[in-house]
Amino acid sequence: MEKRNHFTAALAAVLMLIDHIGALFFPEQIGFRLIGRLSFPLFAYGIAQGVEHTSNFQRYLFRILVAAVISQPIYRLAFDNTNLNPLFTLALGGVVLWLWRREGKERFLAGGLLILSYWVKCSYSWYGVATIFLYGFYESARAVSFYWQSVLQVAYGYVTGTWLQGISILAFPLAGMDWKKTIHLPKYFFYVFYPLHLLILVGIRELI
């Protein structure tokens, strides 16, 4: 994570932890899931910022993919879900945004990958990739980013038949808050936190 995203990453991690506690231990309590809907957009914002500010995108992408591969069996055990975990979605969204910013022919490839993400069996699928892509315009065209993300929420609700994810639009104003001086995380915090917190939660579930 880039330094400027430390608070965003920490907040996203806490919200995700609340979401997963609800999913694993209190599935009937919708409050946990409502809070958790704010998590992914903050991670999406972090990826968009990472793509913009990293000095080596290939290395940045490699770290995400390593964490994704390590997390996959734990993710499947936790949620009994055969889809790819959200880190793969973050990686794919990062690639789409990176290609788009290279302009030229790469933009056609970015558009193709964005369309193909509809058929990729990973958490958040096309919605997640599109969210990352739209956060790529957060700094340069914030109103446009917000408008199209609002449209995205409606489209996702219509396609899936559930409107729970729509609350994630409330994360938009949180993403741009400059809290970088208030908290500093280790460089590899999230890469370790994601699989570790799932492993701990699964262990607690098995014990009780």
Protein backbone atom coordinates (compact mmCIF):
# COMPACT_ATOMS: atom_id res chain seq x y z
CA MET A 1 0.00 0.00 0.00
CA GLU A 2 1.22 3.49 -0.76
CA LYS A 3 1.87 5.70 2.29
CA ARG A 4 -0.97 8.06 1.40
CA ASN A 5 -3.42 5.19 1.68
CA HIS A 6 -2.51 3.97 5.16
CA PHE A 7 -5.63 5.21 6.89
CA THR A 8 -7.85 4.07 4.02
CA ALA A 9 -6.25 0.62 4.12
CA ALA A 10 -6.63 0.36 7.89
CA LEU A 11 -10.28 1.45 7.77
CA ALA A 12 -11.00 -0.97 4.93
CA ALA A 13 -9.37 -3.81 6.86
CA VAL A 14 -11.45 -3.10 9.99
CA LEU A 15 -14.67 -2.92 7.97
CA MET A 16 -13.79 -6.16 6.19
CA LEU A 17 -13.09 -7.86 9.50
CA ILE A 18 -16.52 -6.81 10.78
CA ASP A 19 -18.10 -8.11 7.59
CA HIS A 20 -16.37 -11.48 7.85
CA ILE A 21 -17.21 -11.85 11.54
CA GLY A 22 -20.83 -11.36 10.58
CA ALA A 23 -20.63 -13.78 7.66
CA LEU A 24 -19.00 -16.54 9.71
CA PHE A 25 -20.65 -16.14 13.11
CA PHE A 26 -23.79 -14.02 12.74
CA PRO A 27 -25.13 -14.65 9.22
CA GLU A 28 -28.65 -13.60 10.20
CA GLN A 29 -27.53 -10.17 11.43
CA ILE A 30 -27.58 -7.90 8.41
CA GLY A 31 -25.89 -5.05 10.26
CA PHE A 32 -22.48 -6.69 9.94
CA ARG A 33 -22.91 -7.05 6.18
CA LEU A 34 -24.12 -3.46 5.77
CA ILE A 35 -21.00 -2.18 7.48
CA GLY A 36 -18.89 -4.54 5.41
CA ARG A 37 -20.22 -3.13 2.14
CA LEU A 38 -18.02 -0.08 2.69
CA SER A 39 -14.86 -2.16 2.70
CA PHE A 40 -14.35 -3.18 -0.93
CA PRO A 41 -14.71 0.34 -2.38
CA LEU A 42 -11.95 1.55 -0.06
CA PHE A 43 -9.70 -1.27 -1.21
CA ALA A 44 -10.64 -0.41 -4.80
CA TYR A 45 -9.59 3.18 -4.16
CA GLY A 46 -6.33 1.94 -2.67
CA ILE A 47 -5.60 -0.14 -5.76
CA ALA A 48 -6.36 2.81 -8.04
CA GLN A 49 -3.96 4.96 -6.03
CA GLY A 50 -1.40 2.17 -6.02
CA VAL A 51 -1.51 1.90 -9.82
CA GLU A 52 -0.96 5.66 -10.08
CA HIS A 53 1.85 6.00 -7.57
CA THR A 54 3.78 2.72 -7.61
CA SER A 55 7.20 2.91 -9.23
CA ASN A 56 7.00 -0.70 -10.43
CA PHE A 57 3.53 -1.94 -11.36
CA GLN A 58 4.71 -5.47 -12.18
CA ARG A 59 6.17 -5.89 -8.70
CA TYR A 60 3.06 -4.35 -7.15
CA LEU A 61 0.84 -6.76 -9.09
CA PHE A 62 3.07 -9.70 -8.16
CA ARG A 63 2.65 -9.01 -4.45
CA ILE A 64 -1.14 -8.93 -4.79
CA LEU A 65 -1.18 -12.19 -6.76
CA VAL A 66 1.08 -13.98 -4.27
CA ALA A 67 -1.25 -12.95 -1.43
CA ALA A 68 -4.23 -14.03 -3.55
CA VAL A 69 -2.81 -17.50 -4.21
CA ILE A 70 -1.87 -18.00 -0.54
CA SER A 71 -5.33 -16.84 0.56
CA GLN A 72 -7.36 -18.96 -1.86
CA PRO A 73 -7.54 -22.24 0.12
CA ILE A 74 -8.27 -20.31 3.32
CA TYR A 75 -10.96 -18.28 1.56
CA ARG A 76 -12.57 -21.44 0.24
CA LEU A 77 -12.48 -23.05 3.69
CA ALA A 78 -13.94 -19.96 5.35
CA PHE A 79 -16.85 -19.37 2.99
CA ASP A 80 -17.23 -22.72 1.20
CA ASN A 81 -16.91 -20.72 -2.00
CA THR A 82 -15.15 -22.01 -5.11
CA ASN A 83 -14.85 -18.55 -6.69
CA LEU A 84 -11.52 -16.75 -6.66
CA ASN A 85 -11.05 -14.49 -3.64
CA PRO A 86 -11.28 -10.68 -3.83
CA LEU A 87 -7.51 -10.23 -4.15
CA PHE A 88 -7.74 -11.67 -7.65
CA THR A 89 -10.40 -9.07 -8.40
CA LEU A 90 -8.14 -6.32 -7.09
CA ALA A 91 -5.32 -7.61 -9.27
CA LEU A 92 -7.49 -7.76 -12.40
CA GLY A 93 -8.91 -4.30 -11.75
CA GLY A 94 -5.39 -2.98 -11.29
CA VAL A 95 -4.33 -4.44 -14.63
CA VAL A 96 -7.34 -2.92 -16.40
CA LEU A 97 -6.63 0.53 -14.95
CA TRP A 98 -2.90 0.28 -15.67
CA LEU A 99 -3.52 -0.64 -19.30
CA TRP A 100 -6.03 2.18 -19.68
CA ARG A 101 -3.54 4.74 -18.41
CA ARG A 102 -0.95 3.60 -20.93
CA GLU A 103 -3.32 4.81 -23.64
CA GLY A 104 -2.90 3.74 -27.28
CA LYS A 105 -3.80 0.15 -28.18
CA GLU A 106 -3.60 -0.84 -24.54
CA ARG A 107 -6.94 0.90 -23.97
CA PHE A 108 -8.67 -1.60 -26.26
CA LEU A 109 -7.15 -4.42 -24.21
CA ALA A 110 -8.29 -2.71 -20.99
CA GLY A 111 -11.82 -2.45 -22.33
CA GLY A 112 -11.76 -6.08 -23.42
CA LEU A 113 -10.61 -7.26 -19.99
CA LEU A 114 -13.27 -5.14 -18.31
CA ILE A 115 -15.95 -6.82 -20.46
CA LEU A 116 -14.47 -10.30 -19.96
CA SER A 117 -14.49 -9.81 -16.20
CA TYR A 118 -18.24 -10.46 -16.34
CA TRP A 119 -17.44 -14.14 -16.87
CA VAL A 120 -14.53 -14.38 -14.45
CA LYS A 121 -15.50 -16.43 -11.40
CA CYS A 122 -14.06 -14.21 -8.71
CA SER A 123 -15.52 -12.28 -5.81
CA TYR A 124 -17.28 -9.09 -6.99
CA SER A 125 -16.50 -10.09 -10.60
CA TRP A 126 -17.19 -7.33 -13.17
CA TYR A 127 -18.60 -5.04 -10.51
CA GLY A 128 -15.35 -5.11 -8.57
CA VAL A 129 -13.20 -4.50 -11.63
CA ALA A 130 -15.44 -1.63 -12.74
CA THR A 131 -15.29 -0.09 -9.26
CA ILE A 132 -11.49 -0.05 -9.36
CA PHE A 133 -11.53 1.40 -12.86
CA LEU A 134 -13.90 4.21 -11.86
CA TYR A 135 -11.83 5.05 -8.79
CA GLY A 136 -9.02 5.64 -11.24
CA PHE A 137 -10.76 8.92 -12.10
CA TYR A 138 -11.25 9.95 -8.48
CA GLU A 139 -8.49 12.57 -8.46
CA SER A 140 -8.91 13.95 -11.97
CA ALA A 141 -12.71 13.88 -12.34
CA ARG A 142 -14.30 13.21 -8.97
CA ALA A 143 -17.85 14.15 -9.96
CA VAL A 144 -17.67 11.86 -12.99
CA SER A 145 -16.31 9.04 -10.85
CA PHE A 146 -19.13 9.45 -8.34
CA TYR A 147 -21.83 9.63 -11.01
CA TRP A 148 -20.72 6.48 -12.81
CA GLN A 149 -20.25 4.61 -9.55
CA SER A 150 -23.83 5.49 -8.65
CA VAL A 151 -24.92 4.13 -12.03
CA LEU A 152 -22.82 1.03 -11.35
CA GLN A 153 -24.66 0.39 -8.07
CA VAL A 154 -27.99 0.49 -9.87
CA ALA A 155 -26.73 -1.80 -12.63
CA TYR A 156 -25.31 -4.28 -10.13
CA GLY A 157 -28.52 -4.31 -8.11
CA TYR A 158 -30.56 -4.90 -11.25
CA VAL A 159 -28.32 -7.73 -12.52
CA THR A 160 -28.02 -9.53 -9.18
CA GLY A 161 -31.47 -8.77 -7.81
CA THR A 162 -30.02 -7.57 -4.52
CA TRP A 163 -29.51 -3.94 -3.53
CA LEU A 164 -27.40 -4.51 -0.42
CA GLN A 165 -24.16 -3.61 -2.19
CA GLY A 166 -25.60 -0.21 -3.11
CA ILE A 167 -24.72 1.11 0.34
CA SER A 168 -21.07 0.95 -0.72
CA ILE A 169 -21.49 4.34 -2.44
CA LEU A 170 -21.29 5.82 1.07
CA ALA A 171 -17.59 4.89 1.09
CA PHE A 172 -16.90 7.42 -1.67
CA PRO A 173 -16.32 10.47 0.56
CA LEU A 174 -14.20 8.39 2.95
CA ALA A 175 -11.79 7.32 0.21
CA GLY A 176 -10.41 10.79 -0.49
CA MET A 177 -9.88 11.91 3.08
CA ASP A 178 -6.20 12.67 3.66
CA TRP A 179 -5.38 10.85 6.88
CA LYS A 180 -1.85 9.83 5.92
CA LYS A 181 -0.28 11.54 8.94
CA THR A 182 -2.44 9.77 11.49
CA ILE A 183 -1.41 6.16 10.97
CA HIS A 184 1.48 4.25 9.45
CA LEU A 185 1.20 0.58 8.53
CA PRO A 186 3.97 -1.88 7.70
CA LYS A 187 4.60 -2.11 3.96
CA TYR A 188 3.13 -5.58 3.62
CA PHE A 189 0.33 -5.13 6.15
CA PHE A 190 -2.65 -6.02 3.97
CA TYR A 191 -0.89 -8.80 2.08
CA VAL A 192 -0.45 -10.55 5.42
CA PHE A 193 -3.65 -9.36 7.09
CA TYR A 194 -6.05 -10.80 4.52
CA PRO A 195 -5.08 -14.49 4.76
CA LEU A 196 -4.16 -14.25 8.44
CA HIS A 197 -7.47 -12.80 9.63
CA LEU A 198 -9.40 -15.44 7.66
CA LEU A 199 -7.24 -18.20 9.13
CA ILE A 200 -7.82 -16.92 12.67
CA LEU A 201 -11.59 -16.62 12.15
CA VAL A 202 -11.79 -20.13 10.70
CA GLY A 203 -9.80 -21.44 13.65
CA ILE A 204 -12.15 -19.78 16.13
CA ARG A 205 -15.16 -21.15 14.26
CA GLU A 206 -13.77 -24.67 14.44
CA LEU A 207 -13.06 -24.35 18.14
CA ILE A 208 -16.57 -23.27 19.05
